[in-house]
Amino acid sequence: MQFRFRCYRTPKFWGGPKVLTETINQLPGYISWRDTKAAILLFNRNKDFTRVLEQIKSTVQAHPNCKKLLGQPSETQWRFTFGQRDDPNREMSVAVMAFDVPQP
């Protein structure tokens, strides 16, 4: 029997807390009950990246399916535990990574 590791990744440009919440809400539509890992990649073109980072963390933690912050490996990365929408006892790990992209 062969096992395959799957991780769903979604890249987005930072559009504020509302867009991030919508992105989190989309995750259950892309993963199955057996999937336990997902990642959100956020690209920022706004000024004041520090403020954006603060908003990312607080927005994710405020989501109703977010159970806890597992860690913050760097200033721009977080790992969270989420309960799955249809089965809150089934947990998944969600990594959120932010990247500052300079304007051309």
C-alpha atoms as a PDB file:
ATOM      1  CA  MET A   1       0.000   0.000   0.000  1.00  0.00           C
ATOM      2  CA  GLN A   2       1.316   3.408  -0.909  1.00  0.00           C
ATOM      3  CA  PHE A   3       0.612   6.483   1.224  1.00  0.00           C
ATOM      4  CA  ARG A   4       0.583   9.967  -0.190  1.00  0.00           C
ATOM      5  CA  PHE A   5       1.014  13.176   1.727  1.00  0.00           C
ATOM      6  CA  ARG A   6      -1.305  15.963   0.642  1.00  0.00           C
ATOM      7  CA  CYS A   7      -1.209  19.554   1.692  1.00  0.00           C
ATOM      8  CA  TYR A   8      -3.619  22.081   0.251  1.00  0.00           C
ATOM      9  CA  ARG A   9      -2.015  25.487  -0.440  1.00  0.00           C
ATOM     10  CA  THR A  10      -3.782  28.652  -1.468  1.00  0.00           C
ATOM     11  CA  PRO A  11      -1.891  31.797  -2.526  1.00  0.00           C
ATOM     12  CA  LYS A  12      -3.601  35.167  -2.106  1.00  0.00           C
ATOM     13  CA  PHE A  13      -2.683  38.837  -2.246  1.00  0.00           C
ATOM     14  CA  TRP A  14      -3.421  40.599   1.035  1.00  0.00           C
ATOM     15  CA  GLY A  15      -6.748  42.355   0.735  1.00  0.00           C
ATOM     16  CA  GLY A  16      -7.454  42.907   4.398  1.00  0.00           C
ATOM     17  CA  PRO A  17      -9.019  40.847   7.189  1.00  0.00           C
ATOM     18  CA  LYS A  18     -12.230  40.226   5.244  1.00  0.00           C
ATOM     19  CA  VAL A  19     -10.385  38.556   2.342  1.00  0.00           C
ATOM     20  CA  LEU A  20      -8.324  36.446   4.766  1.00  0.00           C
ATOM     21  CA  THR A  21     -11.479  35.291   6.563  1.00  0.00           C
ATOM     22  CA  GLU A  22     -13.045  34.369   3.213  1.00  0.00           C
ATOM     23  CA  THR A  23      -9.905  32.402   2.327  1.00  0.00           C
ATOM     24  CA  ILE A  24     -10.069  30.483   5.612  1.00  0.00           C
ATOM     25  CA  ASN A  25     -13.756  29.790   5.000  1.00  0.00           C
ATOM     26  CA  GLN A  26     -12.882  28.306   1.588  1.00  0.00           C
ATOM     27  CA  LEU A  27     -10.478  25.717   3.024  1.00  0.00           C
ATOM     28  CA  PRO A  28     -13.151  23.115   3.947  1.00  0.00           C
ATOM     29  CA  GLY A  29     -14.341  23.114   0.336  1.00  0.00           C
ATOM     30  CA  TYR A  30     -10.886  22.084  -0.867  1.00  0.00           C
ATOM     31  CA  ILE A  31      -9.949  19.446   1.680  1.00  0.00           C
ATOM     32  CA  SER A  32     -11.455  16.135   2.714  1.00  0.00           C
ATOM     33  CA  TRP A  33     -11.932  14.695   6.181  1.00  0.00           C
ATOM     34  CA  ARG A  34      -8.643  12.790   5.847  1.00  0.00           C
ATOM     35  CA  ASP A  35      -6.612  15.906   5.027  1.00  0.00           C
ATOM     36  CA  THR A  36      -4.893  17.331   8.079  1.00  0.00           C
ATOM     37  CA  LYS A  37      -2.627  20.029   6.640  1.00  0.00           C
ATOM     38  CA  ALA A  38      -3.244  23.249   4.753  1.00  0.00           C
ATOM     39  CA  ALA A  39      -1.283  26.418   4.062  1.00  0.00           C
ATOM     40  CA  ILE A  40      -2.283  29.963   3.202  1.00  0.00           C
ATOM     41  CA  LEU A  41       0.361  31.997   1.375  1.00  0.00           C
ATOM     42  CA  LEU A  42      -0.262  35.750   1.581  1.00  0.00           C
ATOM     43  CA  PHE A  43       1.536  38.241  -0.627  1.00  0.00           C
ATOM     44  CA  ASN A  44       1.541  41.875   0.472  1.00  0.00           C
ATOM     45  CA  ARG A  45       1.996  44.957  -1.714  1.00  0.00           C
ATOM     46  CA  ASN A  46       0.782  47.456   0.860  1.00  0.00           C
ATOM     47  CA  LYS A  47       2.933  49.748   2.929  1.00  0.00           C
ATOM     48  CA  ASP A  48       3.351  49.100   6.664  1.00  0.00           C
ATOM     49  CA  PHE A  49       3.959  45.357   6.476  1.00  0.00           C
ATOM     50  CA  THR A  50       4.212  45.259  10.279  1.00  0.00           C
ATOM     51  CA  ARG A  51       0.573  46.318  10.591  1.00  0.00           C
ATOM     52  CA  VAL A  52      -0.437  43.712   8.004  1.00  0.00           C
ATOM     53  CA  LEU A  53       1.318  41.007  10.052  1.00  0.00           C
ATOM     54  CA  GLU A  54      -0.575  42.067  13.180  1.00  0.00           C
ATOM     55  CA  GLN A  55      -3.871  41.910  11.292  1.00  0.00           C
ATOM     56  CA  ILE A  56      -3.110  38.461   9.894  1.00  0.00           C
ATOM     57  CA  LYS A  57      -2.487  36.942  13.310  1.00  0.00           C
ATOM     58  CA  SER A  58      -5.512  38.537  14.984  1.00  0.00           C
ATOM     59  CA  THR A  59      -7.831  37.686  12.065  1.00  0.00           C
ATOM     60  CA  VAL A  60      -6.856  34.014  12.041  1.00  0.00           C
ATOM     61  CA  GLN A  61      -7.144  33.723  15.835  1.00  0.00           C
ATOM     62  CA  ALA A  62     -10.612  35.314  15.726  1.00  0.00           C
ATOM     63  CA  HIS A  63     -11.930  32.717  13.268  1.00  0.00           C
ATOM     64  CA  PRO A  64     -14.521  30.468  14.949  1.00  0.00           C
ATOM     65  CA  ASN A  65     -12.798  27.247  13.778  1.00  0.00           C
ATOM     66  CA  CYS A  66      -9.369  28.304  15.077  1.00  0.00           C
ATOM     67  CA  LYS A  67      -8.583  26.309  18.216  1.00  0.00           C
ATOM     68  CA  LYS A  68      -5.079  27.516  19.054  1.00  0.00           C
ATOM     69  CA  LEU A  69      -1.836  29.038  17.879  1.00  0.00           C
ATOM     70  CA  LEU A  70       0.735  26.223  17.692  1.00  0.00           C
ATOM     71  CA  GLY A  71       3.714  28.445  17.104  1.00  0.00           C
ATOM     72  CA  GLN A  72       5.284  31.300  15.231  1.00  0.00           C
ATOM     73  CA  PRO A  73       8.516  30.089  13.592  1.00  0.00           C
ATOM     74  CA  SER A  74       9.291  33.595  12.314  1.00  0.00           C
ATOM     75  CA  GLU A  75       7.836  37.089  12.164  1.00  0.00           C
ATOM     76  CA  THR A  76       5.939  36.178   9.005  1.00  0.00           C
ATOM     77  CA  GLN A  77       4.841  32.591   9.715  1.00  0.00           C
ATOM     78  CA  TRP A  78       2.300  31.032  12.056  1.00  0.00           C
ATOM     79  CA  ARG A  79       0.961  27.538  12.656  1.00  0.00           C
ATOM     80  CA  PHE A  80      -2.580  27.087  13.936  1.00  0.00           C
ATOM     81  CA  THR A  81      -4.840  24.189  14.849  1.00  0.00           C
ATOM     82  CA  PHE A  82      -8.303  24.366  13.311  1.00  0.00           C
ATOM     83  CA  GLY A  83     -11.338  22.191  13.810  1.00  0.00           C
ATOM     84  CA  GLN A  84     -12.824  21.026  10.541  1.00  0.00           C
ATOM     85  CA  ARG A  85     -16.140  22.644   9.694  1.00  0.00           C
ATOM     86  CA  ASP A  86     -18.210  19.447   9.501  1.00  0.00           C
ATOM     87  CA  ASP A  87     -16.397  17.625  12.307  1.00  0.00           C
ATOM     88  CA  PRO A  88     -14.964  19.992  14.945  1.00  0.00           C
ATOM     89  CA  ASN A  89     -13.234  17.068  16.691  1.00  0.00           C
ATOM     90  CA  ARG A  90     -11.162  16.421  13.566  1.00  0.00           C
ATOM     91  CA  GLU A  91      -8.244  18.823  13.662  1.00  0.00           C
ATOM     92  CA  MET A  92      -6.065  20.169  10.896  1.00  0.00           C
ATOM     93  CA  SER A  93      -2.865  22.148  10.987  1.00  0.00           C
ATOM     94  CA  VAL A  94      -2.967  25.410   9.041  1.00  0.00           C
ATOM     95  CA  ALA A  95       0.234  27.269   8.249  1.00  0.00           C
ATOM     96  CA  VAL A  96      -0.040  30.932   7.333  1.00  0.00           C
ATOM     97  CA  MET A  97       2.937  32.549   5.618  1.00  0.00           C
ATOM     98  CA  ALA A  98       3.195  36.198   4.606  1.00  0.00           C
ATOM     99  CA  PHE A  99       5.556  37.646   2.015  1.00  0.00           C
ATOM    100  CA  ASP A 100       6.218  41.330   1.353  1.00  0.00           C
ATOM    101  CA  VAL A 101       6.361  41.940  -2.395  1.00  0.00           C
ATOM    102  CA  PRO A 102       7.691  45.359  -3.411  1.00  0.00           C
ATOM    103  CA  GLN A 103       5.733  47.396  -5.933  1.00  0.00           C
ATOM    104  CA  PRO A 104       7.319  47.278  -9.403  1.00  0.00           C
END
